[in-house]
C-alpha atoms as a PDB file:
ATOM      1  CA  MET A   1      30.526  22.851  23.508  1.00  0.00           C
ATOM      2  CA  PRO A   2      28.495  23.023  26.759  1.00  0.00           C
ATOM      3  CA  GLY A   3      25.324  23.178  26.678  1.00  0.00           C
ATOM      4  CA  ARG A   4      24.618  22.894  23.408  1.00  0.00           C
ATOM      5  CA  ARG A   5      22.987  20.136  21.382  1.00  0.00           C
ATOM      6  CA  ILE A   6      25.547  18.553  18.403  1.00  0.00           C
ATOM      7  CA  GLU A   7      23.913  16.471  15.872  1.00  0.00           C
ATOM      8  CA  ALA A   8      26.050  16.700  12.933  1.00  0.00           C
ATOM      9  CA  VAL A   9      29.474  17.231  11.300  1.00  0.00           C
ATOM     10  CA  VAL A  10      30.049  18.105   7.860  1.00  0.00           C
ATOM     11  CA  MET A  11      33.863  18.192   6.898  1.00  0.00           C
ATOM     12  CA  GLY A  12      35.616  19.499   3.404  1.00  0.00           C
ATOM     13  CA  GLY A  13      39.126  19.768   2.102  1.00  0.00           C
ATOM     14  CA  SER A  14      40.423  19.359  -1.698  1.00  0.00           C
ATOM     15  CA  ALA A  15      44.550  19.234  -2.191  1.00  0.00           C
ATOM     16  CA  GLY A  16      45.848  17.372   0.814  1.00  0.00           C
ATOM     17  CA  GLY A  17      42.241  16.510   1.864  1.00  0.00           C
ATOM     18  CA  TRP A  18      42.665  12.726   1.818  1.00  0.00           C
ATOM     19  CA  GLU A  19      46.029  12.719   4.366  1.00  0.00           C
ATOM     20  CA  ALA A  20      43.850  15.648   6.957  1.00  0.00           C
ATOM     21  CA  ILE A  21      40.533  13.691   7.019  1.00  0.00           C
ATOM     22  CA  SER A  22      42.388  10.360   7.277  1.00  0.00           C
ATOM     23  CA  LEU A  23      44.268  12.095  10.599  1.00  0.00           C
ATOM     24  CA  ILE A  24      41.148  13.428  12.098  1.00  0.00           C
ATOM     25  CA  LEU A  25      39.436  10.309  11.367  1.00  0.00           C
ATOM     26  CA  SER A  26      41.588   7.959  12.627  1.00  0.00           C
ATOM     27  CA  ARG A  27      41.538   9.930  16.273  1.00  0.00           C
ATOM     28  CA  LEU A  28      38.133   9.169  16.527  1.00  0.00           C
ATOM     29  CA  PRO A  29      36.759   6.379  18.496  1.00  0.00           C
ATOM     30  CA  GLU A  30      34.999   3.310  17.539  1.00  0.00           C
ATOM     31  CA  ASP A  31      31.797   4.140  19.369  1.00  0.00           C
ATOM     32  CA  TYR A  32      31.603   7.945  17.737  1.00  0.00           C
ATOM     33  CA  PRO A  33      28.283   9.140  18.459  1.00  0.00           C
ATOM     34  CA  LEU A  34      27.802  11.650  15.639  1.00  0.00           C
ATOM     35  CA  PRO A  35      27.128  11.481  12.083  1.00  0.00           C
ATOM     36  CA  VAL A  36      30.096  12.871   9.965  1.00  0.00           C
ATOM     37  CA  ALA A  37      29.464  14.162   6.473  1.00  0.00           C
ATOM     38  CA  VAL A  38      32.509  14.432   3.882  1.00  0.00           C
ATOM     39  CA  VAL A  39      33.443  16.264   0.676  1.00  0.00           C
ATOM     40  CA  LEU A  40      36.939  15.971  -1.339  1.00  0.00           C
ATOM     41  CA  HIS A  41      37.474  16.657  -4.147  1.00  0.00           C
ATOM     42  CA  VAL A  42      38.642  14.251  -5.801  1.00  0.00           C
ATOM     43  CA  HIS A  43      38.516  13.036  -9.640  1.00  0.00           C
ATOM     44  CA  PRO A  44      35.873  11.331 -11.467  1.00  0.00           C
ATOM     45  CA  ASP A  45      38.470   8.465 -12.649  1.00  0.00           C
ATOM     46  CA  GLN A  46      39.630   7.940  -9.123  1.00  0.00           C
ATOM     47  CA  GLY A  47      36.415   5.194  -8.936  1.00  0.00           C
ATOM     48  CA  GLU A  48      34.547   4.419  -5.500  1.00  0.00           C
ATOM     49  CA  ASP A  49      37.215   2.626  -3.563  1.00  0.00           C
ATOM     50  CA  PHE A  50      38.381   5.449  -1.674  1.00  0.00           C
ATOM     51  CA  ALA A  51      35.737   4.896   1.105  1.00  0.00           C
ATOM     52  CA  GLU A  52      37.151   1.628   1.829  1.00  0.00           C
ATOM     53  CA  ARG A  53      40.842   2.876   1.813  1.00  0.00           C
ATOM     54  CA  LEU A  54      39.872   5.606   4.085  1.00  0.00           C
ATOM     55  CA  GLY A  55      38.058   2.895   6.075  1.00  0.00           C
ATOM     56  CA  ARG A  56      41.072   1.287   6.722  1.00  0.00           C
ATOM     57  CA  THR A  57      42.943   3.897   8.172  1.00  0.00           C
ATOM     58  CA  CYS A  58      40.008   4.660  11.145  1.00  0.00           C
ATOM     59  CA  LYS A  59      37.594   2.841  13.719  1.00  0.00           C
ATOM     60  CA  VAL A  60      34.582   4.193  12.879  1.00  0.00           C
ATOM     61  CA  ARG A  61      32.419   3.269   9.885  1.00  0.00           C
ATOM     62  CA  VAL A  62      33.103   4.955   6.684  1.00  0.00           C
ATOM     63  CA  ARG A  63      30.744   4.689   3.573  1.00  0.00           C
ATOM     64  CA  LEU A  64      30.279   5.743   0.449  1.00  0.00           C
ATOM     65  CA  ALA A  65      26.811   8.193  -0.021  1.00  0.00           C
ATOM     66  CA  VAL A  66      23.709   6.572  -1.632  1.00  0.00           C
ATOM     67  CA  GLU A  67      20.720   8.275  -2.440  1.00  0.00           C
ATOM     68  CA  LYS A  68      18.367   8.410   0.601  1.00  0.00           C
ATOM     69  CA  ASP A  69      20.799   6.591   2.878  1.00  0.00           C
ATOM     70  CA  SER A  70      19.296   7.711   6.111  1.00  0.00           C
ATOM     71  CA  ILE A  71      22.008   9.623   8.218  1.00  0.00           C
ATOM     72  CA  LEU A  72      23.239   7.759  10.859  1.00  0.00           C
ATOM     73  CA  PRO A  73      25.072   8.374  14.055  1.00  0.00           C
ATOM     74  CA  GLY A  74      28.897   7.053  14.385  1.00  0.00           C
ATOM     75  CA  VAL A  75      28.755   6.808  10.217  1.00  0.00           C
ATOM     76  CA  VAL A  76      31.021   8.863   8.188  1.00  0.00           C
ATOM     77  CA  THR A  77      29.473   9.376   4.730  1.00  0.00           C
ATOM     78  CA  LEU A  78      31.686  10.245   1.779  1.00  0.00           C
ATOM     79  CA  ALA A  79      30.800  12.070  -1.483  1.00  0.00           C
ATOM     80  CA  PRO A  80      30.941   9.809  -4.438  1.00  0.00           C
ATOM     81  CA  PRO A  81      33.374  11.267  -7.329  1.00  0.00           C
ATOM     82  CA  ASP A  82      31.513  13.572  -9.701  1.00  0.00           C
ATOM     83  CA  TYR A  83      28.108  13.514  -7.275  1.00  0.00           C
ATOM     84  CA  HIS A  84      27.218  16.978  -4.957  1.00  0.00           C
ATOM     85  CA  LEU A  85      26.058  15.822  -1.545  1.00  0.00           C
ATOM     86  CA  LEU A  86      23.494  17.251   0.180  1.00  0.00           C
ATOM     87  CA  ILE A  87      21.271  16.581   3.450  1.00  0.00           C
ATOM     88  CA  GLU A  88      17.829  16.716   2.881  1.00  0.00           C
ATOM     89  CA  TRP A  89      15.232  17.898   5.249  1.00  0.00           C
ATOM     90  CA  ASP A  90      14.076  14.650   6.486  1.00  0.00           C
ATOM     91  CA  LYS A  91      17.654  14.251   7.808  1.00  0.00           C
ATOM     92  CA  SER A  92      18.906  12.003   4.426  1.00  0.00           C
ATOM     93  CA  TYR A  93      21.334  11.965   1.639  1.00  0.00           C
ATOM     94  CA  ALA A  94      20.692  13.356  -1.502  1.00  0.00           C
ATOM     95  CA  LEU A  95      23.009  13.184  -4.412  1.00  0.00           C
ATOM     96  CA  SER A  96      23.266  15.812  -7.253  1.00  0.00           C
ATOM     97  CA  ALA A  97      24.673  15.493 -10.708  1.00  0.00           C
ATOM     98  CA  ASP A  98      23.905  19.746 -11.603  1.00  0.00           C
ATOM     99  CA  PRO A  99      26.624  21.926 -12.428  1.00  0.00           C
ATOM    100  CA  LYS A 100      29.966  22.822 -10.623  1.00  0.00           C
ATOM    101  CA  VAL A 101      30.221  24.916  -7.806  1.00  0.00           C
ATOM    102  CA  CYS A 102      33.834  26.910  -7.517  1.00  0.00           C
ATOM    103  CA  PHE A 103      34.490  24.374 -10.254  1.00  0.00           C
ATOM    104  CA  SER A 104      34.115  21.460  -8.046  1.00  0.00           C
ATOM    105  CA  ARG A 105      31.875  18.018  -7.877  1.00  0.00           C
ATOM    106  CA  PRO A 106      31.415  17.274  -5.544  1.00  0.00           C
ATOM    107  CA  SER A 107      31.400  20.921  -4.054  1.00  0.00           C
ATOM    108  CA  ILE A 108      31.994  21.584   0.064  1.00  0.00           C
ATOM    109  CA  ASP A 109      29.638  24.663  -0.135  1.00  0.00           C
ATOM    110  CA  VAL A 110      26.597  22.264  -1.314  1.00  0.00           C
ATOM    111  CA  LEU A 111      26.612  20.568   1.481  1.00  0.00           C
ATOM    112  CA  PHE A 112      27.760  22.692   4.118  1.00  0.00           C
ATOM    113  CA  GLU A 113      25.103  24.935   2.723  1.00  0.00           C
ATOM    114  CA  SER A 114      21.982  22.315   2.850  1.00  0.00           C
ATOM    115  CA  ALA A 115      23.367  20.715   6.180  1.00  0.00           C
ATOM    116  CA  ALA A 116      23.199  24.362   7.938  1.00  0.00           C
ATOM    117  CA  SER A 117      19.192  24.640   6.711  1.00  0.00           C
ATOM    118  CA  VAL A 118      18.703  21.540   7.792  1.00  0.00           C
ATOM    119  CA  TYR A 119      20.348  21.719  11.493  1.00  0.00           C
ATOM    120  CA  GLY A 120      21.504  25.221  11.748  1.00  0.00           C
ATOM    121  CA  PRO A 121      22.839  25.907  15.697  1.00  0.00           C
ATOM    122  CA  ALA A 122      23.131  21.723  15.571  1.00  0.00           C
ATOM    123  CA  LEU A 123      25.571  21.652  13.152  1.00  0.00           C
ATOM    124  CA  VAL A 124      29.621  21.682  12.951  1.00  0.00           C
ATOM    125  CA  GLY A 125      31.537  22.105  10.023  1.00  0.00           C
ATOM    126  CA  VAL A 126      34.983  21.975   9.535  1.00  0.00           C
ATOM    127  CA  LEU A 127      37.175  22.853   6.435  1.00  0.00           C
ATOM    128  CA  LEU A 128      40.342  21.660   5.796  1.00  0.00           C
ATOM    129  CA  THR A 129      43.338  22.504   3.321  1.00  0.00           C
ATOM    130  CA  GLY A 130      42.708  23.031  -0.279  1.00  0.00           C
ATOM    131  CA  ALA A 131      44.027  25.206  -3.339  1.00  0.00           C
ATOM    132  CA  SER A 132      40.356  26.524  -4.118  1.00  0.00           C
ATOM    133  CA  ARG A 133      37.837  29.201  -2.349  1.00  0.00           C
ATOM    134  CA  ASP A 134      35.245  26.329  -2.355  1.00  0.00           C
ATOM    135  CA  GLY A 135      33.972  25.802   1.295  1.00  0.00           C
ATOM    136  CA  SER A 136      34.326  29.463   2.068  1.00  0.00           C
ATOM    137  CA  ALA A 137      30.469  30.825   1.486  1.00  0.00           C
ATOM    138  CA  GLY A 138      29.612  27.275   3.341  1.00  0.00           C
ATOM    139  CA  ILE A 139      31.138  27.606   6.491  1.00  0.00           C
ATOM    140  CA  LEU A 140      29.947  31.608   6.192  1.00  0.00           C
ATOM    141  CA  ARG A 141      26.465  29.882   5.650  1.00  0.00           C
ATOM    142  CA  ILE A 142      26.617  27.714   8.866  1.00  0.00           C
ATOM    143  CA  LYS A 143      28.105  30.722  11.143  1.00  0.00           C
ATOM    144  CA  GLU A 144      24.681  32.728  10.230  1.00  0.00           C
ATOM    145  CA  LEU A 145      23.123  30.077  10.914  1.00  0.00           C
ATOM    146  CA  GLY A 146      24.175  29.841  14.211  1.00  0.00           C
ATOM    147  CA  GLY A 147      26.021  26.778  14.086  1.00  0.00           C
ATOM    148  CA  ILE A 148      29.805  26.464  15.022  1.00  0.00           C
ATOM    149  CA  THR A 149      32.826  26.731  12.785  1.00  0.00           C
ATOM    150  CA  VAL A 150      36.293  25.027  12.225  1.00  0.00           C
ATOM    151  CA  VAL A 151      39.011  25.803   9.719  1.00  0.00           C
ATOM    152  CA  GLN A 152      42.238  24.411   9.709  1.00  0.00           C
ATOM    153  CA  ALA A 153      44.966  27.032  10.402  1.00  0.00           C
ATOM    154  CA  PRO A 154      46.137  28.023   6.616  1.00  0.00           C
ATOM    155  CA  GLU A 155      49.831  28.245   8.277  1.00  0.00           C
ATOM    156  CA  THR A 156      49.329  24.295   8.862  1.00  0.00           C
ATOM    157  CA  ALA A 157      47.829  23.532   5.670  1.00  0.00           C
ATOM    158  CA  GLU A 158      49.691  21.419   2.900  1.00  0.00           C
ATOM    159  CA  HIS A 159      47.536  24.349   0.625  1.00  0.00           C
ATOM    160  CA  PRO A 160      46.329  26.964   2.822  1.00  0.00           C
ATOM    161  CA  THR A 161      44.298  28.916  -0.213  1.00  0.00           C
ATOM    162  CA  MET A 162      40.910  27.027   1.067  1.00  0.00           C
ATOM    163  CA  PRO A 163      41.203  27.479   4.290  1.00  0.00           C
ATOM    164  CA  ARG A 164      42.714  31.271   4.576  1.00  0.00           C
ATOM    165  CA  ALA A 165      39.662  32.006   2.424  1.00  0.00           C
ATOM    166  CA  ALA A 166      37.197  30.990   4.499  1.00  0.00           C
ATOM    167  CA  VAL A 167      39.315  32.806   7.313  1.00  0.00           C
ATOM    168  CA  GLU A 168      39.017  36.058   5.174  1.00  0.00           C
ATOM    169  CA  LYS A 169      35.463  35.661   4.301  1.00  0.00           C
ATOM    170  CA  ALA A 170      33.504  34.197   7.662  1.00  0.00           C
ATOM    171  CA  SER A 171      36.032  34.727  10.268  1.00  0.00           C
ATOM    172  CA  PRO A 172      34.922  31.413  11.665  1.00  0.00           C
ATOM    173  CA  LEU A 173      34.579  30.577  15.456  1.00  0.00           C
ATOM    174  CA  HIS A 174      37.625  28.099  15.862  1.00  0.00           C
ATOM    175  CA  VAL A 175      41.495  28.286  13.522  1.00  0.00           C
ATOM    176  CA  LEU A 176      42.842  24.948  14.336  1.00  0.00           C
ATOM    177  CA  SER A 177      45.680  22.503  13.639  1.00  0.00           C
ATOM    178  CA  LEU A 178      44.123  19.223  12.189  1.00  0.00           C
ATOM    179  CA  GLU A 179      45.465  17.535  16.274  1.00  0.00           C
ATOM    180  CA  GLU A 180      43.667  20.275  17.307  1.00  0.00           C
ATOM    181  CA  ILE A 181      40.450  19.603  15.303  1.00  0.00           C
ATOM    182  CA  ALA A 182      40.736  16.016  16.000  1.00  0.00           C
ATOM    183  CA  LEU A 183      40.584  16.674  20.136  1.00  0.00           C
ATOM    184  CA  PHE A 184      37.816  18.874  19.109  1.00  0.00           C
ATOM    185  CA  LEU A 185      35.361  16.481  17.498  1.00  0.00           C
ATOM    186  CA  GLN A 186      36.504  14.048  20.173  1.00  0.00           C
ATOM    187  CA  ARG A 187      35.471  16.349  22.942  1.00  0.00           C
ATOM    188  CA  LEU A 188      32.254  17.396  20.806  1.00  0.00           C
ATOM    189  CA  GLY A 189      31.451  12.954  20.874  1.00  0.00           C
ATOM    190  CA  GLU A 190      31.602  13.125  24.595  1.00  0.00           C
ATOM    191  CA  GLU A 191      29.396  15.527  25.392  1.00  0.00           C
ATOM    192  CA  ALA A 192      27.134  14.554  22.645  1.00  0.00           C
ATOM    193  CA  ARG A 193      26.928  10.880  24.258  1.00  0.00           C
ATOM    194  CA  ASN A 194      26.435  12.438  27.882  1.00  0.00           C
ATOM    195  CA  ALA A 195      23.771  14.198  26.773  1.00  0.00           C
ATOM    196  CA  ALA A 196      22.599  11.248  25.132  1.00  0.00           C
ATOM    197  CA  GLY A 197      22.576   9.391  28.464  1.00  0.00           C
ATOM    198  CA  LEU A 198      21.217  11.973  30.631  1.00  0.00           C
ATOM    199  CA  THR A 199      18.153  12.162  28.232  1.00  0.00           C
ATOM    200  CA  HIS A 200      17.738   8.456  28.385  1.00  0.00           C
ATOM    201  CA  LEU A 201      17.872   8.633  32.140  1.00  0.00           C
ATOM    202  CA  ASN A 202      15.428  11.314  32.587  1.00  0.00           C
ATOM    203  CA  ILE A 203      13.118   9.297  30.595  1.00  0.00           C
ATOM    204  CA  LEU A 204      13.176   6.791  32.891  1.00  0.00           C
ATOM    205  CA  SER A 205      12.846   9.080  35.653  1.00  0.00           C
ATOM    206  CA  GLU A 206       9.398  10.070  33.959  1.00  0.00           C
ATOM    207  CA  GLY A 207       8.033   6.933  33.520  1.00  0.00           C
ATOM    208  CA  ASN A 208       9.158   5.584  36.661  1.00  0.00           C
ATOM    209  CA  PRO A 209       8.298   8.074  39.447  1.00  0.00           C
ATOM    210  CA  GLN A 210       9.591   7.551  43.078  1.00  0.00           C
END
């Protein structure tokens, strides 16, 4: 979005979300400049190797969240199984074993709402395929605080319940196919990289007046 500074991306998905997120992340370049936090509804017995498996499908670095990890540009961070993932005011990650939200832990709403409070209009929220209503309240909160809201077009989703609930509740700014979401995130990354370059040049210019 020209003229708007984006600082972070949050994504969520449930049933069918693994394939959807894999497709999107596979389209991002190795030097993607924005941090991406992801909640996928996974069973606790699935273990913690899914970050490594997802990382093999894409060029960007993928890791599992650890308590108090710093939020880093160009790193995709996944919520561990059976823990909520939150973003703190100091822009670090926090994990919580609090009760399930929308029958889920990790919950997409928990991540989205905490991120919206920290980043406000500098946040992009992306909600994908799923068979529950988790994420719709979070998308609405991102919208209320000025962030950019993106929902997978329900007719393109493997399980349309989740994106349809978000469209009905929040009237997101963008309703897109997976390929369109990937292109949208690519453009955001290019704009963020260009903005960072301009900022760097401005600092150099200010420090070296002609």
